[in-house]
Each structure stands twice: as C-alpha cells, then as structure tokens.
N, C-alpha and C. Protein backbone atom coordinates (compact mmCIF):
# COMPACT_ATOMS: atom_id res chain seq x y z
N MET A 1 28.62 21.15 -29.86
CA MET A 1 28.73 20.68 -28.20
C MET A 1 29.09 19.68 -27.88
N ARG A 2 29.66 18.19 -28.08
CA ARG A 2 30.35 17.58 -27.85
C ARG A 2 31.88 17.43 -27.12
N PRO A 3 32.26 18.91 -28.08
CA PRO A 3 33.92 19.23 -27.30
C PRO A 3 33.45 19.36 -25.38
N CYS A 4 32.04 20.54 -25.85
CA CYS A 4 31.87 21.07 -24.32
C CYS A 4 31.79 19.96 -23.28
N LEU A 5 30.62 18.80 -23.90
CA LEU A 5 30.56 17.76 -22.62
C LEU A 5 31.74 17.14 -22.29
N ARG A 6 32.41 17.29 -23.64
CA ARG A 6 34.08 16.19 -23.26
C ARG A 6 34.78 16.82 -22.41
N LEU A 7 34.82 17.92 -21.95
CA LEU A 7 35.89 18.78 -21.44
C LEU A 7 35.22 19.28 -19.93
N LEU A 8 33.74 18.99 -19.74
CA LEU A 8 33.10 18.77 -18.87
C LEU A 8 33.13 17.86 -18.07
N GLY A 9 32.86 16.21 -18.63
CA GLY A 9 32.72 14.85 -18.04
C GLY A 9 35.15 14.84 -17.53
N PHE A 10 35.51 15.55 -18.38
CA PHE A 10 37.14 15.92 -17.89
C PHE A 10 37.03 16.27 -16.22
N MET A 11 36.90 17.85 -16.42
CA MET A 11 36.44 18.61 -15.16
C MET A 11 36.35 17.88 -13.89
N PHE A 12 35.23 17.47 -14.71
CA PHE A 12 34.04 16.00 -13.41
C PHE A 12 34.87 15.81 -12.67
N ALA A 13 35.30 14.19 -13.31
CA ALA A 13 36.88 13.07 -13.18
C ALA A 13 37.82 14.17 -12.16
N SER A 14 38.53 14.78 -13.09
CA SER A 14 39.48 15.22 -12.20
C SER A 14 39.38 16.57 -11.18
N PHE A 15 38.54 16.46 -10.98
CA PHE A 15 38.07 16.88 -9.30
C PHE A 15 37.86 16.10 -8.48
N PHE A 16 37.63 14.52 -8.74
CA PHE A 16 37.35 14.16 -7.41
C PHE A 16 38.51 13.11 -7.85
N LEU A 17 39.67 13.13 -8.64
CA LEU A 17 40.96 12.22 -8.78
C LEU A 17 41.83 13.44 -7.27
N LEU A 18 41.84 14.58 -8.01
CA LEU A 18 42.04 15.45 -7.34
C LEU A 18 42.07 15.98 -6.18
N THR A 19 41.08 15.99 -5.36
CA THR A 19 40.05 16.10 -3.93
C THR A 19 40.13 15.01 -3.44
N GLY A 20 40.51 13.88 -3.42
CA GLY A 20 40.92 12.57 -2.73
C GLY A 20 39.92 11.97 -2.64
N PHE A 21 38.60 12.55 -3.37
CA PHE A 21 37.47 11.88 -2.55
C PHE A 21 37.59 10.56 -3.29
N GLY A 22 36.61 9.15 -2.97
CA GLY A 22 36.78 8.14 -2.99
C GLY A 22 36.81 7.64 -2.12
N LYS A 23 37.55 6.04 -2.65
CA LYS A 23 37.46 5.07 -0.82
C LYS A 23 38.41 5.80 0.68
N PRO A 24 37.31 5.80 1.72
CA PRO A 24 38.20 6.59 2.91
C PRO A 24 39.76 6.00 3.24
N ARG A 25 40.04 6.62 4.05
CA ARG A 25 41.56 5.44 3.74
C ARG A 25 41.98 5.76 6.19
N SER A 26 40.83 6.09 6.46
CA SER A 26 40.30 5.82 7.53
C SER A 26 38.98 5.68 8.28
N ARG A 27 38.95 5.30 9.59
CA ARG A 27 37.13 5.15 9.73
C ARG A 27 37.15 5.27 11.38
N VAL A 28 35.70 5.79 11.51
CA VAL A 28 35.36 6.43 12.48
C VAL A 28 35.73 5.82 13.98
N ALA A 29 35.49 5.62 15.06
CA ALA A 29 35.35 4.44 16.17
C ALA A 29 34.64 6.21 17.19
N VAL A 30 33.48 5.52 17.87
CA VAL A 30 32.58 6.53 18.92
C VAL A 30 32.85 5.66 20.44
N GLU A 31 33.64 6.08 21.40
CA GLU A 31 34.27 6.36 22.65
C GLU A 31 33.06 7.29 23.36
N PRO A 32 32.19 6.37 24.37
CA PRO A 32 31.12 6.66 24.67
C PRO A 32 31.65 6.61 26.54
N LYS A 33 31.55 7.81 27.33
CA LYS A 33 31.38 8.03 28.75
C LYS A 33 30.60 8.22 29.35
N LEU A 34 30.09 7.72 30.15
CA LEU A 34 28.81 8.32 31.11
C LEU A 34 29.56 8.75 32.33
N ASP A 35 29.47 9.99 32.65
CA ASP A 35 29.85 10.59 33.94
C ASP A 35 28.20 10.94 34.53
N ALA A 36 27.65 10.64 35.84
CA ALA A 36 25.89 11.39 36.39
C ALA A 36 24.60 11.12 34.90
N LYS A 37 25.19 12.12 34.64
CA LYS A 37 23.61 12.81 33.57
C LYS A 37 23.98 12.65 32.08
N THR A 38 25.86 12.90 32.44
CA THR A 38 26.48 13.64 31.04
C THR A 38 26.80 12.77 30.29
N LEU A 39 26.91 12.15 28.98
CA LEU A 39 27.17 11.11 28.37
C LEU A 39 28.39 12.08 27.41
N THR A 40 29.75 11.25 27.64
CA THR A 40 30.79 12.31 26.76
C THR A 40 31.20 11.27 25.48
N MET A 41 31.05 11.96 24.27
CA MET A 41 31.32 11.00 23.14
C MET A 41 32.51 11.23 22.32
N ARG A 42 33.52 10.40 21.89
CA ARG A 42 34.22 11.31 21.51
C ARG A 42 34.93 10.10 20.20
N PHE A 43 34.86 10.76 19.03
CA PHE A 43 34.54 10.42 17.78
C PHE A 43 36.28 10.51 17.26
N VAL A 44 36.47 9.46 16.97
CA VAL A 44 38.22 9.21 17.15
C VAL A 44 38.10 8.32 15.81
N VAL A 45 39.01 9.59 15.17
CA VAL A 45 39.53 9.33 13.63
C VAL A 45 40.71 7.60 13.50
N GLN A 46 40.85 6.70 12.83
CA GLN A 46 41.78 5.69 13.13
C GLN A 46 41.72 5.99 11.54
N PRO A 47 43.45 5.42 11.13
CA PRO A 47 43.77 5.65 9.94
C PRO A 47 44.27 4.29 9.78
N ASP A 48 43.58 3.85 8.41
CA ASP A 48 44.36 2.77 8.24
C ASP A 48 46.03 2.19 8.02
N GLU A 49 46.36 0.97 8.02
CA GLU A 49 47.81 0.71 7.38
C GLU A 49 48.38 1.70 6.63
N GLY A 50 49.72 2.32 7.10
CA GLY A 50 50.84 3.27 5.92
C GLY A 50 49.96 4.80 5.67
N ILE A 51 48.83 4.88 6.89
CA ILE A 51 48.47 6.82 6.92
C ILE A 51 48.29 7.21 8.17
N ALA A 52 48.14 8.36 8.08
CA ALA A 52 48.75 8.92 9.56
C ALA A 52 47.06 10.06 9.13
N VAL A 53 46.95 10.47 10.81
CA VAL A 53 46.14 11.82 10.45
C VAL A 53 46.98 12.75 10.01
N ASN A 54 46.31 14.01 9.58
CA ASN A 54 46.67 15.07 9.59
C ASN A 54 45.51 16.00 9.95
N SER A 55 47.19 17.16 10.54
CA SER A 55 45.71 17.91 11.89
C SER A 55 45.19 19.29 11.49
N ASP A 56 46.28 18.76 9.52
CA ASP A 56 45.42 20.52 8.68
C ASP A 56 44.09 20.63 8.19
N GLY A 57 44.41 21.00 7.66
CA GLY A 57 42.64 21.43 6.78
C GLY A 57 41.45 21.47 7.76
N PRO A 58 40.44 22.07 7.33
CA PRO A 58 39.38 22.13 8.28
C PRO A 58 38.45 20.88 8.66
N TRP A 59 38.38 20.23 9.27
CA TRP A 59 38.27 19.39 10.21
C TRP A 59 36.98 19.29 10.63
N LEU A 60 35.86 18.84 10.31
CA LEU A 60 33.97 18.80 10.78
C LEU A 60 33.60 18.11 10.99
N LEU A 61 32.80 18.08 12.34
CA LEU A 61 31.16 16.85 12.95
C LEU A 61 30.74 17.81 13.12
N SER A 62 29.92 16.45 12.48
CA SER A 62 28.11 17.33 11.68
C SER A 62 27.22 15.77 12.26
N ILE A 63 26.59 16.68 13.70
CA ILE A 63 25.14 16.16 14.58
C ILE A 63 23.75 16.48 13.85
N THR A 64 23.25 15.28 13.07
CA THR A 64 22.21 15.80 11.77
C THR A 64 20.42 15.35 12.41
N LYS A 65 20.77 14.27 13.85
CA LYS A 65 19.86 13.61 14.25
C LYS A 65 19.83 13.16 15.41
N VAL A 66 19.68 13.22 16.64
CA VAL A 66 19.75 13.09 17.99
C VAL A 66 18.13 12.44 18.35
N GLU A 67 18.56 11.16 19.51
CA GLU A 67 17.44 10.85 20.81
C GLU A 67 18.43 10.88 21.31
N GLY A 68 17.84 10.93 22.26
CA GLY A 68 17.71 10.79 24.46
C GLY A 68 19.21 11.55 24.73
N LEU A 69 19.20 12.78 24.04
CA LEU A 69 19.88 13.51 24.25
C LEU A 69 19.84 14.90 23.90
N LYS A 70 19.97 16.12 24.93
CA LYS A 70 19.96 17.35 25.00
C LYS A 70 21.03 17.88 24.33
N LEU A 71 21.13 18.16 23.14
CA LEU A 71 22.23 18.71 22.46
C LEU A 71 22.10 20.58 21.67
N GLU A 72 22.73 20.40 22.12
CA GLU A 72 21.77 22.50 21.60
C GLU A 72 22.11 22.14 19.65
N MET A 73 21.05 22.17 19.49
CA MET A 73 20.93 22.22 17.49
C MET A 73 20.86 23.58 16.66
N LYS A 74 21.39 23.79 15.89
CA LYS A 74 20.85 25.26 15.33
C LYS A 74 21.04 24.61 13.58
N ASP A 75 19.06 24.98 13.12
CA ASP A 75 19.42 25.29 12.19
C ASP A 75 19.21 23.51 11.83
N GLY A 76 18.75 22.95 12.59
CA GLY A 76 18.39 20.96 12.82
C GLY A 76 19.71 20.22 13.00
N LYS A 77 21.08 20.92 13.08
CA LYS A 77 22.19 20.51 13.13
C LYS A 77 23.15 20.96 14.33
N PHE A 78 24.01 20.03 14.52
CA PHE A 78 24.66 20.55 16.08
C PHE A 78 26.20 20.16 14.99
N GLU A 79 26.80 21.55 14.99
CA GLU A 79 28.69 21.52 14.09
C GLU A 79 29.51 22.35 15.00
N SER A 80 30.54 21.06 15.03
CA SER A 80 32.09 21.38 15.76
C SER A 80 32.67 21.04 15.15
N LYS A 81 33.28 23.10 15.32
CA LYS A 81 34.93 22.44 14.00
C LYS A 81 35.92 22.47 15.00
N ALA A 82 35.70 22.36 16.65
CA ALA A 82 37.24 21.75 17.19
C ALA A 82 37.81 20.84 17.66
N TYR A 83 38.08 20.81 16.36
CA TYR A 83 39.08 19.15 15.81
C TYR A 83 39.99 19.08 17.16
N ASP A 84 40.59 18.09 17.95
CA ASP A 84 41.44 18.43 18.90
C ASP A 84 42.41 16.90 18.79
N GLU A 85 43.91 17.49 18.38
CA GLU A 85 45.08 16.94 18.09
C GLU A 85 45.13 15.44 18.79
N LYS A 86 45.36 15.81 20.02
CA LYS A 86 45.31 14.58 20.95
C LYS A 86 44.26 13.29 21.36
N ILE A 87 43.01 14.07 20.44
CA ILE A 87 42.04 12.10 20.56
C ILE A 87 42.48 11.39 19.09
N PRO A 88 42.79 11.82 18.18
CA PRO A 88 42.44 12.66 17.23
C PRO A 88 41.45 12.63 16.34
N GLY A 89 40.61 13.59 16.76
CA GLY A 89 39.05 13.82 16.54
C GLY A 89 38.21 14.70 17.34
N PHE A 90 36.69 14.53 18.01
CA PHE A 90 36.09 15.13 18.39
C PHE A 90 35.35 14.78 19.26
N GLU A 91 34.76 15.63 20.64
CA GLU A 91 34.70 15.37 21.98
C GLU A 91 33.11 16.23 22.02
N VAL A 92 32.36 15.21 22.52
CA VAL A 92 30.92 16.46 22.45
C VAL A 92 30.70 15.50 23.13
N LYS A 93 29.95 16.76 24.22
CA LYS A 93 29.32 16.24 25.50
C LYS A 93 27.57 17.58 26.20
N ALA A 94 26.77 15.66 26.76
CA ALA A 94 26.18 16.01 26.39
C ALA A 94 24.66 15.89 27.27
N GLU A 95 23.83 16.05 28.59
CA GLU A 95 23.32 15.53 28.97
C GLU A 95 21.82 14.76 27.94
N THR A 96 22.41 13.11 29.18
CA THR A 96 20.94 12.48 28.68
C THR A 96 19.65 12.72 28.91
N LEU A 97 18.73 12.70 28.40
CA LEU A 97 17.35 12.57 28.81
C LEU A 97 16.45 11.74 29.63
N PRO A 98 16.05 12.45 30.73
CA PRO A 98 15.81 11.09 31.89
C PRO A 98 15.44 9.93 31.50
N ASP A 99 14.02 10.14 30.33
CA ASP A 99 13.95 9.17 29.98
C ASP A 99 13.42 8.14 29.27
N ALA A 100 15.18 8.64 28.11
CA ALA A 100 15.64 8.05 27.42
C ALA A 100 16.70 6.51 27.86
N LYS A 101 16.07 5.32 27.09
CA LYS A 101 16.87 4.71 27.13
C LYS A 101 17.81 4.09 26.76
N GLU A 102 17.90 4.86 25.53
CA GLU A 102 18.99 4.52 24.79
C GLU A 102 19.33 5.53 23.54
N VAL A 103 20.43 6.28 23.18
CA VAL A 103 21.09 7.83 22.74
C VAL A 103 21.10 6.95 21.21
N LYS A 104 20.53 8.33 20.31
CA LYS A 104 20.70 7.54 18.91
C LYS A 104 21.43 8.56 18.50
N VAL A 105 22.89 8.87 17.71
CA VAL A 105 23.42 9.94 16.94
C VAL A 105 23.68 9.64 15.16
N ASP A 106 23.18 10.61 14.07
CA ASP A 106 23.34 10.16 12.92
C ASP A 106 25.23 11.74 12.99
N TYR A 107 25.77 11.03 12.81
CA TYR A 107 27.24 11.95 12.26
C TYR A 107 27.66 12.13 10.89
N THR A 108 28.24 13.09 10.57
CA THR A 108 29.48 12.99 9.61
C THR A 108 30.31 13.65 9.68
N MET A 109 31.29 13.12 9.47
CA MET A 109 32.73 13.81 10.15
C MET A 109 33.53 13.91 8.72
N ARG A 110 34.33 14.88 8.58
CA ARG A 110 35.40 15.48 7.40
C ARG A 110 36.35 15.11 8.58
N ALA A 111 37.84 14.43 6.87
CA ALA A 111 38.65 14.29 8.77
C ALA A 111 39.86 14.31 7.13
N PHE A 112 41.12 14.59 7.44
CA PHE A 112 41.80 14.95 6.91
C PHE A 112 43.38 13.26 7.18
N VAL A 113 43.74 12.78 6.49
CA VAL A 113 45.31 12.00 6.55
C VAL A 113 46.16 11.94 5.23
N CYS A 114 46.96 11.52 5.26
CA CYS A 114 47.87 12.01 4.66
C CYS A 114 48.68 10.45 4.08
N THR A 115 49.31 10.59 3.82
CA THR A 115 50.34 8.64 3.59
C THR A 115 51.41 9.04 4.37
N ALA A 116 52.26 7.61 4.96
CA ALA A 116 52.89 7.91 6.11
C ALA A 116 54.19 8.94 5.49
N ASP A 117 54.54 9.59 4.66
CA ASP A 117 56.24 10.20 3.85
C ASP A 117 54.95 11.07 3.51
N LYS A 118 53.74 11.26 3.34
CA LYS A 118 52.84 12.48 3.23
C LYS A 118 53.07 13.38 1.57
N LYS A 119 53.54 12.37 0.63
CA LYS A 119 53.60 12.79 -0.33
C LYS A 119 51.62 12.90 -1.14
N GLN A 120 50.81 12.21 -0.44
CA GLN A 120 49.50 12.04 -0.90
C GLN A 120 48.41 12.11 0.80
N CYS A 121 47.79 13.31 -0.08
CA CYS A 121 47.36 13.01 1.01
C CYS A 121 45.81 13.95 0.70
N TYR A 122 44.88 13.40 1.70
CA TYR A 122 43.25 12.88 1.48
C TYR A 122 41.76 13.42 2.18
N GLN A 123 41.22 14.12 1.65
CA GLN A 123 40.46 14.70 2.83
C GLN A 123 38.95 13.03 2.68
N ASP A 124 38.61 12.38 3.85
CA ASP A 124 37.84 11.42 4.05
C ASP A 124 36.57 12.32 4.80
N GLN A 125 35.65 11.32 3.66
CA GLN A 125 34.30 12.17 4.29
C GLN A 125 33.66 10.58 5.00
N HIS A 126 33.36 10.48 6.69
CA HIS A 126 32.38 9.70 7.04
C HIS A 126 31.43 9.79 7.51
N LYS A 127 30.10 8.90 7.60
CA LYS A 127 28.69 8.61 7.94
C LYS A 127 27.94 8.01 8.09
N GLY A 128 27.46 8.28 9.05
CA GLY A 128 27.05 7.19 10.27
C GLY A 128 25.94 7.57 11.45
N THR A 129 25.77 6.01 11.97
CA THR A 129 24.56 6.17 12.78
C THR A 129 25.65 5.28 14.50
N TYR A 130 25.88 6.75 15.29
CA TYR A 130 26.24 5.45 16.78
C TYR A 130 25.07 5.40 17.37
N THR A 131 25.08 4.12 18.05
CA THR A 131 23.67 3.84 18.96
C THR A 131 24.48 3.48 20.50
N TRP A 132 24.07 4.43 22.07
CA TRP A 132 24.84 3.76 22.96
C TRP A 132 23.58 3.59 23.72
N ASN A 133 23.76 2.08 24.42
CA ASN A 133 22.63 2.44 25.74
C ASN A 133 22.91 1.87 26.62
N ALA A 134 22.32 2.36 28.18
CA ALA A 134 22.94 2.18 29.15
C ALA A 134 24.08 0.62 29.47
N LYS A 135 23.38 -0.24 28.81
CA LYS A 135 23.96 -1.96 28.78
C LYS A 135 24.43 -1.52 28.16
N SER A 136 24.83 -0.72 27.31
CA SER A 136 26.44 -1.54 26.74
C SER A 136 27.92 -1.16 27.14
C-alpha cells in the first residue's frame, strides 16, 4: 500500500510543478470608465518583470458576485472567454443600478504568461474583489 501512496504523492507534486501552479507571475488591474449609466470595467493583466503575456491558451474571466450592476448571470455567475489581446484581458460592460452608491464584483481570471524567451509558460489564476464608487 505504501508504494501506491508514494506514487500518488509524486503524481500530485508533479502535476503542480508541470502545470505552473504556484505564485502568480502577473497581477490584474481593473480600469473603470462610466459613460452615462454604463460602467465599463477592463480587467488588465500586468506581467511581472521578465514575463510576457501569452495570448494562447483558454483565457477565462468569471464573475461570481455582483452588487450595484445589471449583469446577466447564468447559474450564479457571469463568464467570458472573449479575451482581447489589445487590452490584454477582458472588458465587461454593464448598466449601474439606479440606487447603487457603489459597484462590487468578485472575479476570478485565468491568464497565461511566459518568460521573455518563451522557454517556460505559466497559467496564472487571479482571484479578487473590485469595488467602484462614483467618487473614485
């Protein structure tokens, strides 16, 4: 039984090393813009020094909790695979609710980055909460 446990532990550790899980090599900045009642939020990936954005890969933005916005949710979340290379990241537009004093969204973003020489690539998983109010 012990050899099976060792093999399972080795496979588990290898999975995390080979898939690039670990400390993210980039971060996400949210850039808001209000036009009339529509709030546009750009979720921009900012790679660390020596790292470049890799537009390949299945990028994904998922928003699970929304306050102050009319955002169409399906099964309790909003998902977008519409990665925009020019940003690099995602753009989400939604109408603000009339009585909302602030907007708050919980998001998760899957991003892909590589070393500048493209010898190693990584999948970064970002999770955060973004809060916007009319005074910001």
